[in-house]
Amino acid sequence: MGRLAAEIESRLMAALTPAALEVIDDSHEHRGHAGHRGDDAESHFTVKIRASAFAGLNRVARQRAVYAALGELVAPDRIHALRIIADVPEAL
């Protein structure tokens, strides 16, 4: 796991206390595309997260909670693309 992926994981764990969390670096799939900054650069991610904190929230509100937890990491020069799959533990 790269440095940025580890920081994403750390912030989400601290803010949302998820029952399950997977941070996937998809950057290698985007070589040559906009936002990719080089062979080893972390820029594109998928986050799969299940947290009780999402109970009662719709999909957009869940994504906003993830973005809020990540703060300034969600900037074009840090995370170019972020796919979020967010749900409550009971739903999966």
PDB file of N, CA and C in Angstrom:
ATOM      1  N   MET A   1       0.850  -1.174   0.000  1.00  0.00           N
ATOM      2  CA  MET A   1       0.000   0.000   0.000  1.00  0.00           C
ATOM      3  C   MET A   1       0.891   1.231   0.000  1.00  0.00           C
ATOM      4  N   GLY A   2       0.595   2.153  -0.892  1.00  0.00           N
ATOM      5  CA  GLY A   2       1.374   3.374  -0.984  1.00  0.00           C
ATOM      6  C   GLY A   2       1.052   4.364   0.127  1.00  0.00           C
ATOM      7  N   ARG A   3       1.835   5.407   0.181  1.00  0.00           N
ATOM      8  CA  ARG A   3       1.698   6.415   1.226  1.00  0.00           C
ATOM      9  C   ARG A   3       0.325   7.102   1.200  1.00  0.00           C
ATOM     10  N   LEU A   4      -0.145   7.482   0.018  1.00  0.00           N
ATOM     11  CA  LEU A   4      -1.437   8.170  -0.085  1.00  0.00           C
ATOM     12  C   LEU A   4      -2.584   7.217   0.248  1.00  0.00           C
ATOM     13  N   ALA A   5      -2.519   5.992  -0.228  1.00  0.00           N
ATOM     14  CA  ALA A   5      -3.546   4.998   0.099  1.00  0.00           C
ATOM     15  C   ALA A   5      -3.607   4.762   1.608  1.00  0.00           C
ATOM     16  N   ALA A   6      -2.464   4.701   2.255  1.00  0.00           N
ATOM     17  CA  ALA A   6      -2.417   4.516   3.704  1.00  0.00           C
ATOM     18  C   ALA A   6      -3.026   5.715   4.435  1.00  0.00           C
ATOM     19  N   GLU A   7      -2.791   6.904   3.922  1.00  0.00           N
ATOM     20  CA  GLU A   7      -3.372   8.107   4.534  1.00  0.00           C
ATOM     21  C   GLU A   7      -4.890   8.116   4.358  1.00  0.00           C
ATOM     22  N   ILE A   8      -5.377   7.702   3.196  1.00  0.00           N
ATOM     23  CA  ILE A   8      -6.823   7.591   2.972  1.00  0.00           C
ATOM     24  C   ILE A   8      -7.418   6.627   3.994  1.00  0.00           C
ATOM     25  N   GLU A   9      -6.807   5.459   4.127  1.00  0.00           N
ATOM     26  CA  GLU A   9      -7.290   4.460   5.077  1.00  0.00           C
ATOM     27  C   GLU A   9      -7.291   4.995   6.506  1.00  0.00           C
ATOM     28  N   SER A  10      -6.233   5.636   6.900  1.00  0.00           N
ATOM     29  CA  SER A  10      -6.114   6.169   8.255  1.00  0.00           C
ATOM     30  C   SER A  10      -7.200   7.197   8.553  1.00  0.00           C
ATOM     31  N   ARG A  11      -7.423   8.109   7.631  1.00  0.00           N
ATOM     32  CA  ARG A  11      -8.432   9.156   7.854  1.00  0.00           C
ATOM     33  C   ARG A  11      -9.841   8.582   7.902  1.00  0.00           C
ATOM     34  N   LEU A  12     -10.139   7.625   7.033  1.00  0.00           N
ATOM     35  CA  LEU A  12     -11.474   7.030   7.043  1.00  0.00           C
ATOM     36  C   LEU A  12     -11.702   6.205   8.303  1.00  0.00           C
ATOM     37  N   MET A  13     -10.689   5.488   8.760  1.00  0.00           N
ATOM     38  CA  MET A  13     -10.813   4.727  10.000  1.00  0.00           C
ATOM     39  C   MET A  13     -11.084   5.654  11.178  1.00  0.00           C
ATOM     40  N   ALA A  14     -10.355   6.752  11.241  1.00  0.00           N
ATOM     41  CA  ALA A  14     -10.504   7.681  12.360  1.00  0.00           C
ATOM     42  C   ALA A  14     -11.855   8.392  12.343  1.00  0.00           C
ATOM     43  N   ALA A  15     -12.316   8.794  11.179  1.00  0.00           N
ATOM     44  CA  ALA A  15     -13.529   9.601  11.091  1.00  0.00           C
ATOM     45  C   ALA A  15     -14.816   8.782  11.100  1.00  0.00           C
ATOM     46  N   LEU A  16     -14.792   7.593  10.479  1.00  0.00           N
ATOM     47  CA  LEU A  16     -16.045   6.855  10.274  1.00  0.00           C
ATOM     48  C   LEU A  16     -16.103   5.505  10.980  1.00  0.00           C
ATOM     49  N   THR A  17     -15.014   5.065  11.574  1.00  0.00           N
ATOM     50  CA  THR A  17     -14.932   3.787  12.282  1.00  0.00           C
ATOM     51  C   THR A  17     -15.665   2.680  11.517  1.00  0.00           C
ATOM     52  N   PRO A  18     -15.222   2.384  10.312  1.00  0.00           N
ATOM     53  CA  PRO A  18     -15.941   1.408   9.496  1.00  0.00           C
ATOM     54  C   PRO A  18     -15.819  -0.026   9.993  1.00  0.00           C
ATOM     55  N   ALA A  19     -16.857  -0.819   9.709  1.00  0.00           N
ATOM     56  CA  ALA A  19     -16.818  -2.254   9.982  1.00  0.00           C
ATOM     57  C   ALA A  19     -15.961  -2.955   8.939  1.00  0.00           C
ATOM     58  N   ALA A  20     -15.897  -2.376   7.752  1.00  0.00           N
ATOM     59  CA  ALA A  20     -15.070  -2.916   6.672  1.00  0.00           C
ATOM     60  C   ALA A  20     -14.579  -1.759   5.816  1.00  0.00           C
ATOM     61  N   LEU A  21     -13.334  -1.856   5.387  1.00  0.00           N
ATOM     62  CA  LEU A  21     -12.743  -0.802   4.561  1.00  0.00           C
ATOM     63  C   LEU A  21     -11.710  -1.416   3.634  1.00  0.00           C
ATOM     64  N   GLU A  22     -11.812  -1.054   2.362  1.00  0.00           N
ATOM     65  CA  GLU A  22     -10.821  -1.471   1.381  1.00  0.00           C
ATOM     66  C   GLU A  22     -10.474  -0.258   0.529  1.00  0.00           C
ATOM     67  N   VAL A  23      -9.199   0.072   0.465  1.00  0.00           N
ATOM     68  CA  VAL A  23      -8.707   1.164  -0.369  1.00  0.00           C
ATOM     69  C   VAL A  23      -7.881   0.539  -1.483  1.00  0.00           C
ATOM     70  N   ILE A  24      -8.328   0.756  -2.708  1.00  0.00           N
ATOM     71  CA  ILE A  24      -7.692   0.138  -3.869  1.00  0.00           C
ATOM     72  C   ILE A  24      -7.068   1.230  -4.732  1.00  0.00           C
ATOM     73  N   ASP A  25      -5.784   1.103  -5.000  1.00  0.00           N
ATOM     74  CA  ASP A  25      -5.089   2.049  -5.877  1.00  0.00           C
ATOM     75  C   ASP A  25      -5.289   1.597  -7.323  1.00  0.00           C
ATOM     76  N   ASP A  26      -6.098   2.342  -8.063  1.00  0.00           N
ATOM     77  CA  ASP A  26      -6.401   2.041  -9.459  1.00  0.00           C
ATOM     78  C   ASP A  26      -5.513   2.821 -10.427  1.00  0.00           C
ATOM     79  N   SER A  27      -4.514   3.502  -9.944  1.00  0.00           N
ATOM     80  CA  SER A  27      -3.711   4.411 -10.759  1.00  0.00           C
ATOM     81  C   SER A  27      -3.095   3.735 -11.970  1.00  0.00           C
ATOM     82  N   HIS A  28      -2.648   2.505 -11.812  1.00  0.00           N
ATOM     83  CA  HIS A  28      -2.003   1.789 -12.919  1.00  0.00           C
ATOM     84  C   HIS A  28      -2.947   1.612 -14.113  1.00  0.00           C
ATOM     85  N   GLU A  29      -4.244   1.646 -13.880  1.00  0.00           N
ATOM     86  CA  GLU A  29      -5.224   1.496 -14.959  1.00  0.00           C
ATOM     87  C   GLU A  29      -5.409   2.787 -15.758  1.00  0.00           C
ATOM     88  N   HIS A  30      -4.801   3.870 -15.303  1.00  0.00           N
ATOM     89  CA  HIS A  30      -5.022   5.183 -15.909  1.00  0.00           C
ATOM     90  C   HIS A  30      -3.761   5.797 -16.495  1.00  0.00           C
ATOM     91  N   ARG A  31      -2.730   4.996 -16.686  1.00  0.00           N
ATOM     92  CA  ARG A  31      -1.498   5.514 -17.296  1.00  0.00           C
ATOM     93  C   ARG A  31      -1.804   6.128 -18.654  1.00  0.00           C
ATOM     94  N   GLY A  32      -1.297   7.317 -18.866  1.00  0.00           N
ATOM     95  CA  GLY A  32      -1.526   8.018 -20.119  1.00  0.00           C
ATOM     96  C   GLY A  32      -2.805   8.823 -20.155  1.00  0.00           C
ATOM     97  N   HIS A  33      -3.631   8.717 -19.126  1.00  0.00           N
ATOM     98  CA  HIS A  33      -4.881   9.468 -19.060  1.00  0.00           C
ATOM     99  C   HIS A  33      -4.687  10.745 -18.250  1.00  0.00           C
ATOM    100  N   ALA A  34      -5.630  11.632 -18.362  1.00  0.00           N
ATOM    101  CA  ALA A  34      -5.589  12.878 -17.589  1.00  0.00           C
ATOM    102  C   ALA A  34      -5.527  12.564 -16.100  1.00  0.00           C
ATOM    103  N   GLY A  35      -4.734  13.309 -15.397  1.00  0.00           N
ATOM    104  CA  GLY A  35      -4.623  13.155 -13.955  1.00  0.00           C
ATOM    105  C   GLY A  35      -3.593  12.156 -13.493  1.00  0.00           C
ATOM    106  N   HIS A  36      -3.079  11.322 -14.367  1.00  0.00           N
ATOM    107  CA  HIS A  36      -2.030  10.370 -13.976  1.00  0.00           C
ATOM    108  C   HIS A  36      -0.695  11.089 -14.050  1.00  0.00           C
ATOM    109  N   ARG A  37       0.083  11.005 -12.962  1.00  0.00           N
ATOM    110  CA  ARG A  37       1.299  11.808 -12.861  1.00  0.00           C
ATOM    111  C   ARG A  37       2.586  11.009 -12.995  1.00  0.00           C
ATOM    112  N   GLY A  38       2.531   9.809 -13.465  1.00  0.00           N
ATOM    113  CA  GLY A  38       3.752   9.014 -13.617  1.00  0.00           C
ATOM    114  C   GLY A  38       3.529   7.582 -13.197  1.00  0.00           C
ATOM    115  N   ASP A  39       4.492   6.733 -13.495  1.00  0.00           N
ATOM    116  CA  ASP A  39       4.336   5.298 -13.276  1.00  0.00           C
ATOM    117  C   ASP A  39       4.008   4.924 -11.830  1.00  0.00           C
ATOM    118  N   ASP A  40       4.657   5.535 -10.867  1.00  0.00           N
ATOM    119  CA  ASP A  40       4.453   5.165  -9.469  1.00  0.00           C
ATOM    120  C   ASP A  40       3.540   6.109  -8.714  1.00  0.00           C
ATOM    121  N   ALA A  41       2.955   7.082  -9.406  1.00  0.00           N
ATOM    122  CA  ALA A  41       2.125   8.077  -8.735  1.00  0.00           C
ATOM    123  C   ALA A  41       0.780   7.483  -8.345  1.00  0.00           C
ATOM    124  N   GLU A  42       0.347   7.786  -7.131  1.00  0.00           N
ATOM    125  CA  GLU A  42      -0.981   7.402  -6.667  1.00  0.00           C
ATOM    126  C   GLU A  42      -1.928   8.548  -7.017  1.00  0.00           C
ATOM    127  N   SER A  43      -2.950   8.279  -7.799  1.00  0.00           N
ATOM    128  CA  SER A  43      -3.844   9.359  -8.231  1.00  0.00           C
ATOM    129  C   SER A  43      -5.294   8.928  -8.368  1.00  0.00           C
ATOM    130  N   HIS A  44      -5.556   7.645  -8.569  1.00  0.00           N
ATOM    131  CA  HIS A  44      -6.903   7.129  -8.800  1.00  0.00           C
ATOM    132  C   HIS A  44      -7.185   6.007  -7.797  1.00  0.00           C
ATOM    133  N   PHE A  45      -8.316   6.108  -7.100  1.00  0.00           N
ATOM    134  CA  PHE A  45      -8.624   5.139  -6.048  1.00  0.00           C
ATOM    135  C   PHE A  45     -10.078   4.701  -6.094  1.00  0.00           C
ATOM    136  N   THR A  46     -10.305   3.489  -5.584  1.00  0.00           N
ATOM    137  CA  THR A  46     -11.639   3.007  -5.245  1.00  0.00           C
ATOM    138  C   THR A  46     -11.642   2.769  -3.752  1.00  0.00           C
ATOM    139  N   VAL A  47     -12.681   3.255  -3.086  1.00  0.00           N
ATOM    140  CA  VAL A  47     -12.859   3.034  -1.653  1.00  0.00           C
ATOM    141  C   VAL A  47     -14.154   2.250  -1.463  1.00  0.00           C
ATOM    142  N   LYS A  48     -14.037   1.082  -0.843  1.00  0.00           N
ATOM    143  CA  LYS A  48     -15.204   0.289  -0.461  1.00  0.00           C
ATOM    144  C   LYS A  48     -15.279   0.361   1.057  1.00  0.00           C
ATOM    145  N   ILE A  49     -16.378   0.906   1.552  1.00  0.00           N
ATOM    146  CA  ILE A  49     -16.489   1.151   2.984  1.00  0.00           C
ATOM    147  C   ILE A  49     -17.892   0.823   3.483  1.00  0.00           C
ATOM    148  N   ARG A  50     -17.951   0.124   4.616  1.00  0.00           N
ATOM    149  CA  ARG A  50     -19.212  -0.157   5.298  1.00  0.00           C
ATOM    150  C   ARG A  50     -19.089   0.417   6.707  1.00  0.00           C
ATOM    151  N   ALA A  51     -19.986   1.326   7.054  1.00  0.00           N
ATOM    152  CA  ALA A  51     -19.900   1.977   8.360  1.00  0.00           C
ATOM    153  C   ALA A  51     -21.288   2.276   8.905  1.00  0.00           C
ATOM    154  N   SER A  52     -21.454   2.072  10.187  1.00  0.00           N
ATOM    155  CA  SER A  52     -22.716   2.411  10.846  1.00  0.00           C
ATOM    156  C   SER A  52     -23.006   3.900  10.742  1.00  0.00           C
ATOM    157  N   ALA A  53     -21.965   4.702  10.575  1.00  0.00           N
ATOM    158  CA  ALA A  53     -22.136   6.155  10.450  1.00  0.00           C
ATOM    159  C   ALA A  53     -22.982   6.517   9.237  1.00  0.00           C
ATOM    160  N   PHE A  54     -23.135   5.605   8.287  1.00  0.00           N
ATOM    161  CA  PHE A  54     -23.917   5.864   7.083  1.00  0.00           C
ATOM    162  C   PHE A  54     -25.400   5.564   7.257  1.00  0.00           C
ATOM    163  N   ALA A  55     -25.799   5.021   8.395  1.00  0.00           N
ATOM    164  CA  ALA A  55     -27.204   4.663   8.615  1.00  0.00           C
ATOM    165  C   ALA A  55     -28.095   5.891   8.431  1.00  0.00           C
ATOM    166  N   GLY A  56     -29.122   5.737   7.636  1.00  0.00           N
ATOM    167  CA  GLY A  56     -30.074   6.814   7.396  1.00  0.00           C
ATOM    168  C   GLY A  56     -29.630   7.828   6.349  1.00  0.00           C
ATOM    169  N   LEU A  57     -28.430   7.671   5.820  1.00  0.00           N
ATOM    170  CA  LEU A  57     -27.927   8.613   4.818  1.00  0.00           C
ATOM    171  C   LEU A  57     -28.135   8.054   3.416  1.00  0.00           C
ATOM    172  N   ASN A  58     -28.479   8.928   2.492  1.00  0.00           N
ATOM    173  CA  ASN A  58     -28.569   8.482   1.100  1.00  0.00           C
ATOM    174  C   ASN A  58     -27.175   8.402   0.496  1.00  0.00           C
ATOM    175  N   ARG A  59     -27.094   7.944  -0.749  1.00  0.00           N
ATOM    176  CA  ARG A  59     -25.802   7.723  -1.404  1.00  0.00           C
ATOM    177  C   ARG A  59     -24.956   8.991  -1.461  1.00  0.00           C
ATOM    178  N   VAL A  60     -25.583  10.111  -1.790  1.00  0.00           N
ATOM    179  CA  VAL A  60     -24.844  11.377  -1.901  1.00  0.00           C
ATOM    180  C   VAL A  60     -24.312  11.805  -0.535  1.00  0.00           C
ATOM    181  N   ALA A  61     -25.106  11.671   0.498  1.00  0.00           N
ATOM    182  CA  ALA A  61     -24.670  12.046   1.848  1.00  0.00           C
ATOM    183  C   ALA A  61     -23.528  11.151   2.324  1.00  0.00           C
ATOM    184  N   ARG A  62     -23.557   9.888   1.966  1.00  0.00           N
ATOM    185  CA  ARG A  62     -22.467   8.976   2.328  1.00  0.00           C
ATOM    186  C   ARG A  62     -21.176   9.390   1.641  1.00  0.00           C
ATOM    187  N   GLN A  63     -21.275   9.741   0.365  1.00  0.00           N
ATOM    188  CA  GLN A  63     -20.088  10.192  -0.360  1.00  0.00           C
ATOM    189  C   GLN A  63     -19.555  11.489   0.221  1.00  0.00           C
ATOM    190  N   ARG A  64     -20.450  12.388   0.600  1.00  0.00           N
ATOM    191  CA  ARG A  64     -20.011  13.641   1.229  1.00  0.00           C
ATOM    192  C   ARG A  64     -19.279  13.372   2.538  1.00  0.00           C
ATOM    193  N   ALA A  65     -19.734  12.385   3.293  1.00  0.00           N
ATOM    194  CA  ALA A  65     -19.059  12.031   4.555  1.00  0.00           C
ATOM    195  C   ALA A  65     -17.641  11.526   4.289  1.00  0.00           C
ATOM    196  N   VAL A  66     -17.481  10.744   3.234  1.00  0.00           N
ATOM    197  CA  VAL A  66     -16.148  10.253   2.873  1.00  0.00           C
ATOM    198  C   VAL A  66     -15.257  11.421   2.455  1.00  0.00           C
ATOM    199  N   TYR A  67     -15.776  12.307   1.606  1.00  0.00           N
ATOM    200  CA  TYR A  67     -15.000  13.473   1.170  1.00  0.00           C
ATOM    201  C   TYR A  67     -14.617  14.349   2.369  1.00  0.00           C
ATOM    202  N   ALA A  68     -15.541  14.539   3.297  1.00  0.00           N
ATOM    203  CA  ALA A  68     -15.248  15.356   4.488  1.00  0.00           C
ATOM    204  C   ALA A  68     -14.134  14.725   5.312  1.00  0.00           C
ATOM    205  N   ALA A  69     -14.159  13.400   5.441  1.00  0.00           N
ATOM    206  CA  ALA A  69     -13.119  12.704   6.206  1.00  0.00           C
ATOM    207  C   ALA A  69     -11.751  12.834   5.539  1.00  0.00           C
ATOM    208  N   LEU A  70     -11.733  12.874   4.221  1.00  0.00           N
ATOM    209  CA  LEU A  70     -10.463  12.954   3.499  1.00  0.00           C
ATOM    210  C   LEU A  70      -9.920  14.368   3.415  1.00  0.00           C
ATOM    211  N   GLY A  71     -10.774  15.370   3.570  1.00  0.00           N
ATOM    212  CA  GLY A  71     -10.337  16.765   3.603  1.00  0.00           C
ATOM    213  C   GLY A  71      -9.521  17.169   2.397  1.00  0.00           C
ATOM    214  N   GLU A  72      -8.361  17.767   2.660  1.00  0.00           N
ATOM    215  CA  GLU A  72      -7.525  18.336   1.594  1.00  0.00           C
ATOM    216  C   GLU A  72      -6.865  17.282   0.710  1.00  0.00           C
ATOM    217  N   LEU A  73      -6.983  16.004   1.068  1.00  0.00           N
ATOM    218  CA  LEU A  73      -6.448  14.969   0.180  1.00  0.00           C
ATOM    219  C   LEU A  73      -7.202  14.941  -1.151  1.00  0.00           C
ATOM    220  N   VAL A  74      -8.465  15.360  -1.095  1.00  0.00           N
ATOM    221  CA  VAL A  74      -9.288  15.357  -2.311  1.00  0.00           C
ATOM    222  C   VAL A  74      -9.055  16.673  -3.046  1.00  0.00           C
ATOM    223  N   ALA A  75      -7.917  16.734  -3.681  1.00  0.00           N
ATOM    224  CA  ALA A  75      -7.519  17.887  -4.496  1.00  0.00           C
ATOM    225  C   ALA A  75      -6.883  17.323  -5.748  1.00  0.00           C
ATOM    226  N   PRO A  76      -7.013  18.014  -6.868  1.00  0.00           N
ATOM    227  CA  PRO A  76      -6.486  17.482  -8.130  1.00  0.00           C
ATOM    228  C   PRO A  76      -5.003  17.093  -8.094  1.00  0.00           C
ATOM    229  N   ASP A  77      -4.228  17.744  -7.248  1.00  0.00           N
ATOM    230  CA  ASP A  77      -2.806  17.402  -7.185  1.00  0.00           C
ATOM    231  C   ASP A  77      -2.525  16.255  -6.210  1.00  0.00           C
ATOM    232  N   ARG A  78      -3.551  15.741  -5.544  1.00  0.00           N
ATOM    233  CA  ARG A  78      -3.402  14.597  -4.623  1.00  0.00           C
ATOM    234  C   ARG A  78      -4.198  13.405  -5.153  1.00  0.00           C
ATOM    235  N   ILE A  79      -5.520  13.465  -5.012  1.00  0.00           N
ATOM    236  CA  ILE A  79      -6.398  12.418  -5.525  1.00  0.00           C
ATOM    237  C   ILE A  79      -7.108  12.979  -6.744  1.00  0.00           C
ATOM    238  N   HIS A  80      -6.824  12.429  -7.887  1.00  0.00           N
ATOM    239  CA  HIS A  80      -7.453  12.900  -9.125  1.00  0.00           C
ATOM    240  C   HIS A  80      -8.848  12.299  -9.293  1.00  0.00           C
ATOM    241  N   ALA A  81      -9.004  11.026  -8.969  1.00  0.00           N
ATOM    242  CA  ALA A  81     -10.288  10.351  -9.135  1.00  0.00           C
ATOM    243  C   ALA A  81     -10.534   9.429  -7.946  1.00  0.00           C
ATOM    244  N   LEU A  82     -11.779   9.438  -7.465  1.00  0.00           N
ATOM    245  CA  LEU A  82     -12.140   8.625  -6.309  1.00  0.00           C
ATOM    246  C   LEU A  82     -13.506   7.992  -6.557  1.00  0.00           C
ATOM    247  N   ARG A  83     -13.524   6.671  -6.630  1.00  0.00           N
ATOM    248  CA  ARG A  83     -14.775   5.924  -6.745  1.00  0.00           C
ATOM    249  C   ARG A  83     -15.124   5.452  -5.343  1.00  0.00           C
ATOM    250  N   ILE A  84     -16.360   5.738  -4.906  1.00  0.00           N
ATOM    251  CA  ILE A  84     -16.772   5.414  -3.543  1.00  0.00           C
ATOM    252  C   ILE A  84     -17.935   4.432  -3.582  1.00  0.00           C
ATOM    253  N   ILE A  85     -17.759   3.322  -2.888  1.00  0.00           N
ATOM    254  CA  ILE A  85     -18.844   2.354  -2.679  1.00  0.00           C
ATOM    255  C   ILE A  85     -19.063   2.341  -1.172  1.00  0.00           C
ATOM    256  N   ALA A  86     -20.142   2.980  -0.722  1.00  0.00           N
ATOM    257  CA  ALA A  86     -20.374   3.162   0.708  1.00  0.00           C
ATOM    258  C   ALA A  86     -21.734   2.585   1.098  1.00  0.00           C
ATOM    259  N   ASP A  87     -21.734   1.819   2.190  1.00  0.00           N
ATOM    260  CA  ASP A  87     -22.974   1.211   2.653  1.00  0.00           C
ATOM    261  C   ASP A  87     -22.904   0.993   4.164  1.00  0.00           C
ATOM    262  N   VAL A  88     -24.030   0.585   4.742  1.00  0.00           N
ATOM    263  CA  VAL A  88     -24.069   0.251   6.160  1.00  0.00           C
ATOM    264  C   VAL A  88     -23.775  -1.238   6.304  1.00  0.00           C
ATOM    265  N   PRO A  89     -23.213  -1.673   7.411  1.00  0.00           N
ATOM    266  CA  PRO A  89     -22.847  -3.079   7.572  1.00  0.00           C
ATOM    267  C   PRO A  89     -24.014  -4.053   7.366  1.00  0.00           C
ATOM    268  N   GLU A  90     -25.205  -3.711   7.822  1.00  0.00           N
ATOM    269  CA  GLU A  90     -26.345  -4.603   7.738  1.00  0.00           C
ATOM    270  C   GLU A  90     -26.794  -4.845   6.298  1.00  0.00           C
ATOM    271  N   ALA A  91     -26.473  -3.937   5.391  1.00  0.00           N
ATOM    272  CA  ALA A  91     -26.955  -4.023   4.010  1.00  0.00           C
ATOM    273  C   ALA A  91     -26.159  -5.004   3.173  1.00  0.00           C
ATOM    274  N   LEU A  92     -24.980  -5.370   3.618  1.00  0.00           N
ATOM    275  CA  LEU A  92     -24.126  -6.232   2.784  1.00  0.00           C
ATOM    276  C   LEU A  92     -23.987  -7.627   3.349  1.00  0.00           C
TER     277      LEU A  92
END
